[in-house]
PDB file of N, CA and C in Angstrom:
ATOM      1  N   MET A   1      89.800  -6.591 -50.237  1.00  0.00           N
ATOM      2  CA  MET A   1      89.600  -7.718 -50.919  1.00  0.00           C
ATOM      3  C   MET A   1      88.338  -8.361 -50.039  1.00  0.00           C
ATOM      4  N   THR A   2      87.648  -8.336 -50.923  1.00  0.00           N
ATOM      5  CA  THR A   2      86.884  -9.811 -50.406  1.00  0.00           C
ATOM      6  C   THR A   2      87.128 -11.218 -50.628  1.00  0.00           C
ATOM      7  N   THR A   3      86.967 -12.115 -49.537  1.00  0.00           N
ATOM      8  CA  THR A   3      87.504 -13.602 -49.536  1.00  0.00           C
ATOM      9  C   THR A   3      85.669 -14.198 -49.661  1.00  0.00           C
ATOM     10  N   THR A   4      85.797 -15.216 -50.466  1.00  0.00           N
ATOM     11  CA  THR A   4      84.812 -15.876 -50.904  1.00  0.00           C
ATOM     12  C   THR A   4      84.805 -16.916 -50.015  1.00  0.00           C
ATOM     13  N   ILE A   5      83.888 -17.283 -49.006  1.00  0.00           N
ATOM     14  CA  ILE A   5      84.016 -18.181 -47.836  1.00  0.00           C
ATOM     15  C   ILE A   5      83.231 -19.512 -48.208  1.00  0.00           C
ATOM     16  N   LEU A   6      83.646 -20.645 -48.978  1.00  0.00           N
ATOM     17  CA  LEU A   6      83.140 -21.623 -49.393  1.00  0.00           C
ATOM     18  C   LEU A   6      82.613 -22.666 -47.855  1.00  0.00           C
ATOM     19  N   PRO A   7      81.578 -23.332 -47.733  1.00  0.00           N
ATOM     20  CA  PRO A   7      81.158 -24.331 -47.026  1.00  0.00           C
ATOM     21  C   PRO A   7      82.040 -25.425 -46.648  1.00  0.00           C
ATOM     22  N   THR A   8      82.336 -26.149 -45.556  1.00  0.00           N
ATOM     23  CA  THR A   8      83.238 -27.160 -45.569  1.00  0.00           C
ATOM     24  C   THR A   8      82.353 -28.383 -46.148  1.00  0.00           C
ATOM     25  N   THR A   9      83.196 -29.301 -46.348  1.00  0.00           N
ATOM     26  CA  THR A   9      82.597 -30.741 -47.299  1.00  0.00           C
ATOM     27  C   THR A   9      82.743 -32.137 -46.251  1.00  0.00           C
ATOM     28  N   ASN A  10      83.397 -31.475 -45.293  1.00  0.00           N
ATOM     29  CA  ASN A  10      83.971 -32.378 -43.870  1.00  0.00           C
ATOM     30  C   ASN A  10      83.966 -32.219 -42.712  1.00  0.00           C
ATOM     31  N   GLU A  11      82.372 -32.189 -42.134  1.00  0.00           N
ATOM     32  CA  GLU A  11      81.901 -31.526 -40.821  1.00  0.00           C
ATOM     33  C   GLU A  11      82.672 -32.441 -39.584  1.00  0.00           C
ATOM     34  N   THR A  12      83.205 -33.847 -40.095  1.00  0.00           N
ATOM     35  CA  THR A  12      83.372 -34.688 -39.204  1.00  0.00           C
ATOM     36  C   THR A  12      85.142 -34.665 -38.677  1.00  0.00           C
ATOM     37  N   TRP A  13      85.660 -34.372 -39.852  1.00  0.00           N
ATOM     38  CA  TRP A  13      87.049 -34.106 -39.550  1.00  0.00           C
ATOM     39  C   TRP A  13      87.997 -32.932 -39.985  1.00  0.00           C
ATOM     40  N   GLY A  14      89.234 -32.699 -40.119  1.00  0.00           N
ATOM     41  CA  GLY A  14      89.395 -31.505 -40.791  1.00  0.00           C
ATOM     42  C   GLY A  14      89.525 -30.321 -39.859  1.00  0.00           C
ATOM     43  N   PHE A  15      89.383 -29.382 -40.437  1.00  0.00           N
ATOM     44  CA  PHE A  15      89.769 -27.777 -39.413  1.00  0.00           C
ATOM     45  C   PHE A  15      88.210 -27.889 -38.925  1.00  0.00           C
ATOM     46  N   TRP A  16      86.731 -28.103 -39.571  1.00  0.00           N
ATOM     47  CA  TRP A  16      86.113 -28.251 -38.648  1.00  0.00           C
ATOM     48  C   TRP A  16      85.305 -29.103 -37.746  1.00  0.00           C
ATOM     49  N   GLY A  17      85.361 -30.262 -38.111  1.00  0.00           N
ATOM     50  CA  GLY A  17      85.369 -31.331 -36.784  1.00  0.00           C
ATOM     51  C   GLY A  17      86.234 -31.112 -35.858  1.00  0.00           C
ATOM     52  N   SER A  18      87.855 -30.479 -35.747  1.00  0.00           N
ATOM     53  CA  SER A  18      88.486 -30.513 -34.836  1.00  0.00           C
ATOM     54  C   SER A  18      87.771 -29.279 -33.968  1.00  0.00           C
ATOM     55  N   MET A  19      87.197 -28.088 -34.507  1.00  0.00           N
ATOM     56  CA  MET A  19      87.285 -26.779 -33.670  1.00  0.00           C
ATOM     57  C   MET A  19      85.784 -27.289 -33.227  1.00  0.00           C
ATOM     58  N   GLY A  20      85.229 -28.456 -33.557  1.00  0.00           N
ATOM     59  CA  GLY A  20      83.919 -28.589 -32.495  1.00  0.00           C
ATOM     60  C   GLY A  20      84.453 -29.292 -31.294  1.00  0.00           C
ATOM     61  N   TYR A  21      85.618 -29.517 -31.250  1.00  0.00           N
ATOM     62  CA  TYR A  21      86.434 -30.032 -30.007  1.00  0.00           C
ATOM     63  C   TYR A  21      86.757 -28.506 -28.651  1.00  0.00           C
ATOM     64  N   THR A  22      86.477 -27.690 -29.640  1.00  0.00           N
ATOM     65  CA  THR A  22      87.121 -26.682 -28.115  1.00  0.00           C
ATOM     66  C   THR A  22      86.262 -25.493 -27.869  1.00  0.00           C
ATOM     67  N   THR A  23      85.945 -24.548 -27.136  1.00  0.00           N
ATOM     68  CA  THR A  23      84.352 -23.563 -26.971  1.00  0.00           C
ATOM     69  C   THR A  23      84.065 -22.573 -28.242  1.00  0.00           C
ATOM     70  N   ALA A  24      85.041 -22.611 -29.075  1.00  0.00           N
ATOM     71  CA  ALA A  24      85.086 -21.701 -30.157  1.00  0.00           C
ATOM     72  C   ALA A  24      83.941 -21.839 -31.025  1.00  0.00           C
ATOM     73  N   ASP A  25      83.378 -20.696 -31.489  1.00  0.00           N
ATOM     74  CA  ASP A  25      81.809 -21.261 -32.241  1.00  0.00           C
ATOM     75  C   ASP A  25      82.467 -21.656 -33.955  1.00  0.00           C
ATOM     76  N   GLN A  26      82.435 -22.823 -34.453  1.00  0.00           N
ATOM     77  CA  GLN A  26      82.465 -23.282 -36.060  1.00  0.00           C
ATOM     78  C   GLN A  26      82.462 -22.523 -36.924  1.00  0.00           C
ATOM     79  N   SER A  27      81.511 -22.094 -36.957  1.00  0.00           N
ATOM     80  CA  SER A  27      81.308 -21.199 -38.213  1.00  0.00           C
ATOM     81  C   SER A  27      81.997 -20.115 -38.073  1.00  0.00           C
ATOM     82  N   GLN A  28      82.310 -19.206 -36.844  1.00  0.00           N
ATOM     83  CA  GLN A  28      83.136 -18.431 -36.805  1.00  0.00           C
ATOM     84  C   GLN A  28      84.691 -18.528 -37.192  1.00  0.00           C
ATOM     85  N   ALA A  29      84.708 -19.264 -36.774  1.00  0.00           N
ATOM     86  CA  ALA A  29      86.320 -20.314 -36.614  1.00  0.00           C
ATOM     87  C   ALA A  29      86.535 -20.498 -37.847  1.00  0.00           C
ATOM     88  N   TRP A  30      85.785 -21.107 -39.070  1.00  0.00           N
ATOM     89  CA  TRP A  30      85.906 -21.454 -40.080  1.00  0.00           C
ATOM     90  C   TRP A  30      85.923 -20.193 -41.122  1.00  0.00           C
ATOM     91  N   ALA A  31      85.112 -19.091 -40.394  1.00  0.00           N
ATOM     92  CA  ALA A  31      85.008 -17.790 -41.453  1.00  0.00           C
ATOM     93  C   ALA A  31      86.437 -17.323 -41.585  1.00  0.00           C
ATOM     94  N   LEU A  32      87.102 -16.962 -40.105  1.00  0.00           N
ATOM     95  CA  LEU A  32      88.380 -16.272 -39.639  1.00  0.00           C
ATOM     96  C   LEU A  32      89.218 -16.954 -40.242  1.00  0.00           C
ATOM     97  N   ALA A  33      89.501 -18.536 -40.368  1.00  0.00           N
ATOM     98  CA  ALA A  33      90.490 -19.333 -41.043  1.00  0.00           C
ATOM     99  C   ALA A  33      90.666 -18.995 -42.481  1.00  0.00           C
ATOM    100  N   THR A  34      88.816 -19.096 -43.316  1.00  0.00           N
ATOM    101  CA  THR A  34      89.604 -18.994 -44.850  1.00  0.00           C
ATOM    102  C   THR A  34      89.831 -17.622 -45.104  1.00  0.00           C
ATOM    103  N   THR A  35      89.180 -16.752 -44.247  1.00  0.00           N
ATOM    104  CA  THR A  35      89.625 -14.952 -44.652  1.00  0.00           C
ATOM    105  C   THR A  35      91.328 -15.124 -44.515  1.00  0.00           C
ATOM    106  N   ALA A  36      91.897 -15.198 -43.644  1.00  0.00           N
ATOM    107  CA  ALA A  36      93.204 -15.270 -42.796  1.00  0.00           C
ATOM    108  C   ALA A  36      93.740 -15.972 -43.950  1.00  0.00           C
ATOM    109  N   ILE A  37      93.597 -16.929 -43.993  1.00  0.00           N
ATOM    110  CA  ILE A  37      94.687 -18.292 -44.880  1.00  0.00           C
ATOM    111  C   ILE A  37      94.518 -17.737 -46.440  1.00  0.00           C
ATOM    112  N   ALA A  38      93.407 -17.308 -47.074  1.00  0.00           N
ATOM    113  CA  ALA A  38      93.287 -16.653 -48.267  1.00  0.00           C
ATOM    114  C   ALA A  38      94.361 -15.563 -48.413  1.00  0.00           C
ATOM    115  N   LYS A  39      93.911 -14.710 -47.481  1.00  0.00           N
ATOM    116  CA  LYS A  39      95.090 -13.428 -47.421  1.00  0.00           C
ATOM    117  C   LYS A  39      96.659 -13.868 -47.555  1.00  0.00           C
ATOM    118  N   ALA A  40      96.780 -14.568 -46.420  1.00  0.00           N
ATOM    119  CA  ALA A  40      98.335 -14.990 -46.284  1.00  0.00           C
ATOM    120  C   ALA A  40      98.892 -15.812 -47.736  1.00  0.00           C
ATOM    121  N   THR A  41      98.133 -16.359 -48.608  1.00  0.00           N
ATOM    122  CA  THR A  41      98.171 -17.335 -49.158  1.00  0.00           C
ATOM    123  C   THR A  41      98.279 -16.805 -50.504  1.00  0.00           C
ATOM    124  N   ASP A  42      97.498 -15.915 -50.647  1.00  0.00           N
ATOM    125  CA  ASP A  42      96.511 -15.937 -52.391  1.00  0.00           C
ATOM    126  C   ASP A  42      95.876 -16.881 -52.952  1.00  0.00           C
ATOM    127  N   GLY A  43      95.435 -17.824 -51.783  1.00  0.00           N
ATOM    128  CA  GLY A  43      94.874 -19.317 -52.430  1.00  0.00           C
ATOM    129  C   GLY A  43      93.482 -18.846 -52.880  1.00  0.00           C
ATOM    130  N   THR A  44      92.849 -19.843 -53.820  1.00  0.00           N
ATOM    131  CA  THR A  44      91.603 -20.212 -54.291  1.00  0.00           C
ATOM    132  C   THR A  44      90.926 -20.429 -53.222  1.00  0.00           C
ATOM    133  N   PRO A  45      89.070 -19.882 -53.229  1.00  0.00           N
ATOM    134  CA  PRO A  45      88.302 -20.659 -52.351  1.00  0.00           C
ATOM    135  C   PRO A  45      88.239 -22.014 -52.240  1.00  0.00           C
ATOM    136  N   GLU A  46      88.650 -22.632 -53.319  1.00  0.00           N
ATOM    137  CA  GLU A  46      88.155 -23.813 -53.435  1.00  0.00           C
ATOM    138  C   GLU A  46      89.641 -24.626 -52.227  1.00  0.00           C
ATOM    139  N   ALA A  47      90.786 -23.862 -53.373  1.00  0.00           N
ATOM    140  CA  ALA A  47      91.730 -24.425 -52.231  1.00  0.00           C
ATOM    141  C   ALA A  47      91.969 -24.269 -50.903  1.00  0.00           C
ATOM    142  N   VAL A  48      91.740 -23.325 -50.226  1.00  0.00           N
ATOM    143  CA  VAL A  48      91.778 -22.972 -49.255  1.00  0.00           C
ATOM    144  C   VAL A  48      90.390 -23.884 -48.008  1.00  0.00           C
ATOM    145  N   ARG A  49      89.592 -24.429 -48.853  1.00  0.00           N
ATOM    146  CA  ARG A  49      88.461 -25.472 -48.192  1.00  0.00           C
ATOM    147  C   ARG A  49      89.378 -26.586 -48.189  1.00  0.00           C
ATOM    148  N   THR A  50      89.686 -26.965 -49.388  1.00  0.00           N
ATOM    149  CA  THR A  50      90.506 -28.448 -49.459  1.00  0.00           C
ATOM    150  C   THR A  50      91.785 -28.405 -48.444  1.00  0.00           C
ATOM    151  N   PHE A  51      92.357 -27.380 -48.712  1.00  0.00           N
ATOM    152  CA  PHE A  51      93.194 -27.606 -47.559  1.00  0.00           C
ATOM    153  C   PHE A  51      92.864 -27.737 -45.731  1.00  0.00           C
ATOM    154  N   LEU A  52      91.695 -27.031 -45.593  1.00  0.00           N
ATOM    155  CA  LEU A  52      91.034 -26.804 -44.324  1.00  0.00           C
ATOM    156  C   LEU A  52      89.932 -28.338 -44.286  1.00  0.00           C
ATOM    157  N   ASP A  53      89.695 -28.955 -44.832  1.00  0.00           N
ATOM    158  CA  ASP A  53      89.071 -29.917 -44.936  1.00  0.00           C
ATOM    159  C   ASP A  53      89.776 -30.946 -44.569  1.00  0.00           C
ATOM    160  N   SER A  54      91.544 -31.070 -44.984  1.00  0.00           N
ATOM    161  CA  SER A  54      91.995 -32.183 -45.158  1.00  0.00           C
ATOM    162  C   SER A  54      92.901 -32.328 -43.705  1.00  0.00           C
ATOM    163  N   ARG A  55      93.811 -33.124 -43.764  1.00  0.00           N
ATOM    164  CA  ARG A  55      94.494 -33.290 -42.273  1.00  0.00           C
ATOM    165  C   ARG A  55      95.274 -32.410 -42.078  1.00  0.00           C
ATOM    166  N   HIS A  56      95.648 -32.156 -43.066  1.00  0.00           N
ATOM    167  CA  HIS A  56      96.398 -30.409 -42.745  1.00  0.00           C
ATOM    168  C   HIS A  56      95.317 -29.488 -42.095  1.00  0.00           C
ATOM    169  N   GLY A  57      94.510 -29.171 -42.302  1.00  0.00           N
ATOM    170  CA  GLY A  57      93.623 -28.482 -41.367  1.00  0.00           C
ATOM    171  C   GLY A  57      92.821 -28.643 -40.242  1.00  0.00           C
ATOM    172  N   ARG A  58      92.919 -30.443 -39.857  1.00  0.00           N
ATOM    173  CA  ARG A  58      93.099 -30.898 -38.489  1.00  0.00           C
ATOM    174  C   ARG A  58      94.722 -29.728 -37.819  1.00  0.00           C
ATOM    175  N   HIS A  59      95.398 -30.440 -38.299  1.00  0.00           N
ATOM    176  CA  HIS A  59      96.649 -30.155 -37.337  1.00  0.00           C
ATOM    177  C   HIS A  59      96.481 -27.973 -37.147  1.00  0.00           C
ATOM    178  N   PHE A  60      96.314 -27.550 -38.069  1.00  0.00           N
ATOM    179  CA  PHE A  60      96.138 -25.929 -38.343  1.00  0.00           C
ATOM    180  C   PHE A  60      95.118 -25.901 -36.864  1.00  0.00           C
ATOM    181  N   ALA A  61      94.029 -26.409 -37.186  1.00  0.00           N
ATOM    182  CA  ALA A  61      93.040 -26.454 -36.199  1.00  0.00           C
ATOM    183  C   ALA A  61      93.898 -26.483 -34.992  1.00  0.00           C
ATOM    184  N   ASP A  62      94.085 -27.643 -34.600  1.00  0.00           N
ATOM    185  CA  ASP A  62      95.130 -27.621 -33.345  1.00  0.00           C
ATOM    186  C   ASP A  62      95.530 -26.497 -32.539  1.00  0.00           C
ATOM    187  N   ASP A  63      96.729 -26.148 -33.940  1.00  0.00           N
ATOM    188  CA  ASP A  63      97.103 -24.829 -33.434  1.00  0.00           C
ATOM    189  C   ASP A  63      96.515 -23.394 -32.977  1.00  0.00           C
ATOM    190  N   VAL A  64      95.064 -23.231 -33.202  1.00  0.00           N
ATOM    191  CA  VAL A  64      94.182 -22.597 -33.083  1.00  0.00           C
ATOM    192  C   VAL A  64      94.090 -22.763 -32.314  1.00  0.00           C
ATOM    193  N   ALA A  65      93.306 -24.294 -31.423  1.00  0.00           N
ATOM    194  CA  ALA A  65      93.226 -24.828 -30.280  1.00  0.00           C
ATOM    195  C   ALA A  65      93.999 -24.334 -29.260  1.00  0.00           C
ATOM    196  N   SER A  66      95.611 -24.338 -29.302  1.00  0.00           N
ATOM    197  CA  SER A  66      96.219 -24.311 -28.668  1.00  0.00           C
ATOM    198  C   SER A  66      96.342 -22.804 -27.796  1.00  0.00           C
ATOM    199  N   GLU A  67      96.435 -22.019 -29.267  1.00  0.00           N
ATOM    200  CA  GLU A  67      96.292 -20.548 -28.675  1.00  0.00           C
ATOM    201  C   GLU A  67      95.280 -19.931 -27.968  1.00  0.00           C
ATOM    202  N   LEU A  68      93.768 -20.826 -28.399  1.00  0.00           N
ATOM    203  CA  LEU A  68      92.582 -20.571 -27.591  1.00  0.00           C
ATOM    204  C   LEU A  68      92.736 -20.951 -26.055  1.00  0.00           C
ATOM    205  N   PHE A  69      93.757 -22.064 -25.903  1.00  0.00           N
ATOM    206  CA  PHE A  69      94.140 -22.375 -24.338  1.00  0.00           C
ATOM    207  C   PHE A  69      94.855 -21.537 -24.001  1.00  0.00           C
ATOM    208  N   ASN A  70      95.458 -20.969 -24.587  1.00  0.00           N
ATOM    209  CA  ASN A  70      96.535 -19.441 -23.820  1.00  0.00           C
ATOM    210  C   ASN A  70      95.610 -18.212 -24.162  1.00  0.00           C
ATOM    211  N   ARG A  71      94.452 -18.413 -23.778  1.00  0.00           N
ATOM    212  CA  ARG A  71      93.799 -16.990 -23.547  1.00  0.00           C
ATOM    213  C   ARG A  71      93.737 -16.345 -24.753  1.00  0.00           C
ATOM    214  N   ARG A  72      93.923 -16.541 -25.938  1.00  0.00           N
ATOM    215  CA  ARG A  72      93.945 -15.382 -27.069  1.00  0.00           C
ATOM    216  C   ARG A  72      92.152 -15.841 -27.868  1.00  0.00           C
ATOM    217  N   THR A  73      91.849 -14.611 -28.210  1.00  0.00           N
ATOM    218  CA  THR A  73      90.433 -14.401 -29.008  1.00  0.00           C
ATOM    219  C   THR A  73      90.479 -15.177 -29.915  1.00  0.00           C
ATOM    220  N   LEU A  74      89.230 -15.922 -30.588  1.00  0.00           N
ATOM    221  CA  LEU A  74      89.721 -16.425 -32.078  1.00  0.00           C
ATOM    222  C   LEU A  74      90.400 -16.193 -32.934  1.00  0.00           C
ATOM    223  N   ALA A  75      89.941 -15.030 -33.153  1.00  0.00           N
ATOM    224  CA  ALA A  75      90.625 -14.145 -34.111  1.00  0.00           C
ATOM    225  C   ALA A  75      92.258 -13.822 -34.022  1.00  0.00           C
ATOM    226  N   GLU A  76      92.664 -13.520 -32.368  1.00  0.00           N
ATOM    227  CA  GLU A  76      93.731 -13.795 -32.171  1.00  0.00           C
ATOM    228  C   GLU A  76      94.782 -15.075 -32.460  1.00  0.00           C
ATOM    229  N   ALA A  77      93.741 -16.110 -31.817  1.00  0.00           N
ATOM    230  CA  ALA A  77      94.201 -17.469 -32.475  1.00  0.00           C
ATOM    231  C   ALA A  77      94.411 -17.499 -34.241  1.00  0.00           C
ATOM    232  N   VAL A  78      93.558 -17.642 -34.445  1.00  0.00           N
ATOM    233  CA  VAL A  78      93.707 -18.171 -36.172  1.00  0.00           C
ATOM    234  C   VAL A  78      94.997 -16.957 -36.584  1.00  0.00           C
ATOM    235  N   ASP A  79      95.095 -15.535 -36.287  1.00  0.00           N
ATOM    236  CA  ASP A  79      96.214 -14.911 -36.679  1.00  0.00           C
ATOM    237  C   ASP A  79      97.362 -15.830 -36.185  1.00  0.00           C
ATOM    238  N   ALA A  80      97.642 -16.148 -35.066  1.00  0.00           N
ATOM    239  CA  ALA A  80      98.776 -16.526 -34.765  1.00  0.00           C
ATOM    240  C   ALA A  80      98.870 -17.750 -35.366  1.00  0.00           C
ATOM    241  N   ALA A  81      98.541 -18.537 -35.734  1.00  0.00           N
ATOM    242  CA  ALA A  81      98.828 -20.172 -36.261  1.00  0.00           C
ATOM    243  C   ALA A  81      98.787 -19.870 -37.909  1.00  0.00           C
ATOM    244  N   VAL A  82      98.300 -18.612 -38.331  1.00  0.00           N
ATOM    245  CA  VAL A  82      98.509 -18.486 -39.754  1.00  0.00           C
ATOM    246  C   VAL A  82     100.219 -18.075 -39.641  1.00  0.00           C
ATOM    247  N   ALA A  83     100.536 -16.971 -38.877  1.00  0.00           N
ATOM    248  CA  ALA A  83     101.793 -16.578 -38.567  1.00  0.00           C
ATOM    249  C   ALA A  83     102.579 -17.294 -38.324  1.00  0.00           C
ATOM    250  N   THR A  84     102.654 -18.859 -37.265  1.00  0.00           N
ATOM    251  CA  THR A  84     102.933 -20.090 -37.309  1.00  0.00           C
ATOM    252  C   THR A  84     103.817 -20.302 -38.757  1.00  0.00           C
ATOM    253  N   TRP A  85     102.348 -20.900 -39.265  1.00  0.00           N
ATOM    254  CA  TRP A  85     102.262 -21.765 -40.556  1.00  0.00           C
ATOM    255  C   TRP A  85     103.220 -21.207 -41.559  1.00  0.00           C
ATOM    256  N   MET A  86     103.127 -19.749 -41.929  1.00  0.00           N
ATOM    257  CA  MET A  86     103.883 -19.107 -42.835  1.00  0.00           C
ATOM    258  C   MET A  86     105.345 -19.140 -41.833  1.00  0.00           C
ATOM    259  N   ALA A  87     105.536 -19.081 -41.310  1.00  0.00           N
ATOM    260  CA  ALA A  87     107.162 -18.720 -40.736  1.00  0.00           C
ATOM    261  C   ALA A  87     107.516 -20.310 -40.966  1.00  0.00           C
ATOM    262  N   TRP A  88     107.288 -21.076 -40.922  1.00  0.00           N
ATOM    263  CA  TRP A  88     107.605 -22.432 -40.974  1.00  0.00           C
ATOM    264  C   TRP A  88     107.998 -22.990 -42.641  1.00  0.00           C
ATOM    265  N   LYS A  89     109.039 -23.571 -43.230  1.00  0.00           N
ATOM    266  CA  LYS A  89     109.367 -23.040 -44.086  1.00  0.00           C
ATOM    267  C   LYS A  89     109.103 -25.184 -44.772  1.00  0.00           C
ATOM    268  N   ILE A  90     108.848 -25.093 -46.112  1.00  0.00           N
ATOM    269  CA  ILE A  90     108.849 -26.771 -46.477  1.00  0.00           C
ATOM    270  C   ILE A  90     109.950 -27.375 -46.676  1.00  0.00           C
ATOM    271  N   ASP A  91     110.199 -28.103 -46.086  1.00  0.00           N
ATOM    272  CA  ASP A  91     111.414 -28.968 -46.206  1.00  0.00           C
ATOM    273  C   ASP A  91     112.164 -30.247 -47.173  1.00  0.00           C
ATOM    274  N   LYS A  92     113.228 -30.462 -47.376  1.00  0.00           N
ATOM    275  CA  LYS A  92     113.663 -31.734 -48.392  1.00  0.00           C
ATOM    276  C   LYS A  92     112.780 -32.601 -48.448  1.00  0.00           C
ATOM    277  N   GLN A  93     112.338 -33.168 -47.589  1.00  0.00           N
ATOM    278  CA  GLN A  93     111.686 -34.903 -47.279  1.00  0.00           C
ATOM    279  C   GLN A  93     110.279 -34.334 -47.880  1.00  0.00           C
ATOM    280  N   THR A  94     109.421 -33.066 -47.617  1.00  0.00           N
ATOM    281  CA  THR A  94     108.467 -32.826 -48.312  1.00  0.00           C
ATOM    282  C   THR A  94     108.180 -32.317 -49.744  1.00  0.00           C
ATOM    283  N   GLN A  95     109.620 -31.922 -50.283  1.00  0.00           N
ATOM    284  CA  GLN A  95     109.771 -31.394 -51.370  1.00  0.00           C
ATOM    285  C   GLN A  95     109.726 -32.714 -51.878  1.00  0.00           C
ATOM    286  N   ARG A  96     110.468 -34.024 -51.792  1.00  0.00           N
ATOM    287  CA  ARG A  96     110.567 -35.177 -52.278  1.00  0.00           C
ATOM    288  C   ARG A  96     109.510 -36.054 -52.294  1.00  0.00           C
ATOM    289  N   GLU A  97     108.959 -36.173 -50.941  1.00  0.00           N
ATOM    290  CA  GLU A  97     107.312 -36.696 -50.890  1.00  0.00           C
ATOM    291  C   GLU A  97     105.946 -36.262 -52.167  1.00  0.00           C
ATOM    292  N   TYR A  98     105.884 -34.728 -51.827  1.00  0.00           N
ATOM    293  CA  TYR A  98     105.072 -34.535 -52.126  1.00  0.00           C
ATOM    294  C   TYR A  98     104.794 -33.301 -53.497  1.00  0.00           C
ATOM    295  N   GLY A  99     106.419 -33.061 -54.155  1.00  0.00           N
ATOM    296  CA  GLY A  99     106.609 -32.043 -54.995  1.00  0.00           C
ATOM    297  C   GLY A  99     106.297 -30.498 -54.561  1.00  0.00           C
ATOM    298  N   ILE A 100     106.188 -30.545 -53.449  1.00  0.00           N
ATOM    299  CA  ILE A 100     105.925 -28.688 -53.033  1.00  0.00           C
ATOM    300  C   ILE A 100     107.591 -28.225 -52.708  1.00  0.00           C
ATOM    301  N   PRO A 101     107.700 -27.169 -53.541  1.00  0.00           N
ATOM    302  CA  PRO A 101     109.039 -26.276 -53.634  1.00  0.00           C
ATOM    303  C   PRO A 101     109.382 -26.510 -52.237  1.00  0.00           C
ATOM    304  N   ARG A 102     110.865 -26.733 -52.151  1.00  0.00           N
ATOM    305  CA  ARG A 102     111.649 -26.397 -50.706  1.00  0.00           C
ATOM    306  C   ARG A 102     111.376 -25.187 -50.666  1.00  0.00           C
ATOM    307  N   GLY A 103     111.264 -24.704 -49.065  1.00  0.00           N
ATOM    308  CA  GLY A 103     111.664 -23.178 -49.023  1.00  0.00           C
ATOM    309  C   GLY A 103     110.204 -22.458 -49.246  1.00  0.00           C
ATOM    310  N   LEU A 104     109.391 -22.578 -49.739  1.00  0.00           N
ATOM    311  CA  LEU A 104     108.328 -22.374 -49.309  1.00  0.00           C
ATOM    312  C   LEU A 104     107.681 -22.215 -48.240  1.00  0.00           C
ATOM    313  N   PRO A 105     106.837 -21.287 -47.950  1.00  0.00           N
ATOM    314  CA  PRO A 105     106.233 -21.067 -46.469  1.00  0.00           C
ATOM    315  C   PRO A 105     105.227 -22.356 -46.287  1.00  0.00           C
ATOM    316  N   TYR A 106     105.101 -23.108 -45.338  1.00  0.00           N
ATOM    317  CA  TYR A 106     104.229 -24.292 -44.966  1.00  0.00           C
ATOM    318  C   TYR A 106     103.171 -24.003 -45.182  1.00  0.00           C
ATOM    319  N   LEU A 107     102.489 -23.083 -45.154  1.00  0.00           N
ATOM    320  CA  LEU A 107     101.100 -22.763 -45.226  1.00  0.00           C
ATOM    321  C   LEU A 107     100.987 -22.640 -46.760  1.00  0.00           C
ATOM    322  N   THR A 108     101.576 -21.731 -47.303  1.00  0.00           N
ATOM    323  CA  THR A 108     101.534 -21.556 -49.138  1.00  0.00           C
ATOM    324  C   THR A 108     101.831 -22.992 -49.807  1.00  0.00           C
ATOM    325  N   GLY A 109     102.504 -23.553 -48.624  1.00  0.00           N
ATOM    326  CA  GLY A 109     102.637 -25.150 -49.741  1.00  0.00           C
ATOM    327  C   GLY A 109     101.646 -25.772 -49.887  1.00  0.00           C
ATOM    328  N   TRP A 110     101.038 -25.970 -48.371  1.00  0.00           N
ATOM    329  CA  TRP A 110      99.829 -26.965 -48.352  1.00  0.00           C
ATOM    330  C   TRP A 110      98.949 -26.551 -49.153  1.00  0.00           C
ATOM    331  N   VAL A 111      98.598 -25.078 -49.007  1.00  0.00           N
ATOM    332  CA  VAL A 111      97.280 -24.559 -50.294  1.00  0.00           C
ATOM    333  C   VAL A 111      97.493 -24.870 -51.084  1.00  0.00           C
ATOM    334  N   ILE A 112      98.908 -24.460 -51.625  1.00  0.00           N
ATOM    335  CA  ILE A 112      99.201 -24.669 -53.341  1.00  0.00           C
ATOM    336  C   ILE A 112      98.873 -26.368 -53.768  1.00  0.00           C
ATOM    337  N   HIS A 113      99.022 -27.198 -52.587  1.00  0.00           N
ATOM    338  CA  HIS A 113      99.327 -29.196 -52.927  1.00  0.00           C
ATOM    339  C   HIS A 113      97.585 -28.972 -53.171  1.00  0.00           C
ATOM    340  N   HIS A 114      96.703 -28.516 -51.942  1.00  0.00           N
ATOM    341  CA  HIS A 114      95.404 -29.142 -52.045  1.00  0.00           C
ATOM    342  C   HIS A 114      94.696 -28.410 -53.590  1.00  0.00           C
ATOM    343  N   GLN A 115      95.018 -27.258 -53.666  1.00  0.00           N
ATOM    344  CA  GLN A 115      94.703 -26.499 -54.594  1.00  0.00           C
ATOM    345  C   GLN A 115      94.956 -27.379 -56.257  1.00  0.00           C
ATOM    346  N   ILE A 116      95.648 -27.979 -55.864  1.00  0.00           N
ATOM    347  CA  ILE A 116      96.065 -28.824 -57.658  1.00  0.00           C
ATOM    348  C   ILE A 116      95.762 -30.595 -57.402  1.00  0.00           C
ATOM    349  N   GLN A 117      95.147 -30.591 -55.981  1.00  0.00           N
ATOM    350  CA  GLN A 117      94.677 -31.735 -55.703  1.00  0.00           C
ATOM    351  C   GLN A 117      92.973 -31.632 -56.147  1.00  0.00           C
ATOM    352  N   ALA A 118      92.517 -30.338 -55.770  1.00  0.00           N
ATOM    353  CA  ALA A 118      90.935 -30.141 -55.871  1.00  0.00           C
ATOM    354  C   ALA A 118      91.280 -30.090 -57.379  1.00  0.00           C
ATOM    355  N   GLU A 119      92.169 -29.108 -58.148  1.00  0.00           N
ATOM    356  CA  GLU A 119      91.663 -29.357 -59.665  1.00  0.00           C
ATOM    357  C   GLU A 119      91.753 -30.567 -60.430  1.00  0.00           C
ATOM    358  N   MET A 120      92.458 -31.513 -60.174  1.00  0.00           N
ATOM    359  CA  MET A 120      92.751 -33.260 -60.314  1.00  0.00           C
ATOM    360  C   MET A 120      91.653 -33.834 -60.216  1.00  0.00           C
ATOM    361  N   THR A 121      90.406 -33.272 -59.296  1.00  0.00           N
ATOM    362  CA  THR A 121      89.681 -34.001 -59.127  1.00  0.00           C
ATOM    363  C   THR A 121      88.052 -33.815 -59.492  1.00  0.00           C
ATOM    364  N   GLU A 122      88.418 -32.454 -60.503  1.00  0.00           N
ATOM    365  CA  GLU A 122      87.064 -32.091 -61.256  1.00  0.00           C
ATOM    366  C   GLU A 122      86.857 -32.657 -62.202  1.00  0.00           C
TER     367      GLU A 122
END
């Protein structure tokens, strides 16, 4: 499966901006994260980009950065962050506040949420 990697629309904040504070190459980190998230969630390129450009993308970048600090390669760090976010589940409060179905993997839920947000602004 080939993943379309859309460029960030938020170079200051989100995943891209946060990765700028690490030693990792932002372009490589973006490509690896986009590919891994799309594969794990079946999210559209637009949904993955919107997720990564959001505050949730910044939090995802924080987890990647933590893994880099633990001496993982960039690819390993991204994969570890994806695994962590897929293991977490959407809880009752998030379901109530955002309408994301409870019990979904956290990463999948937020990518779907951002896909809907992106479609509503088109």
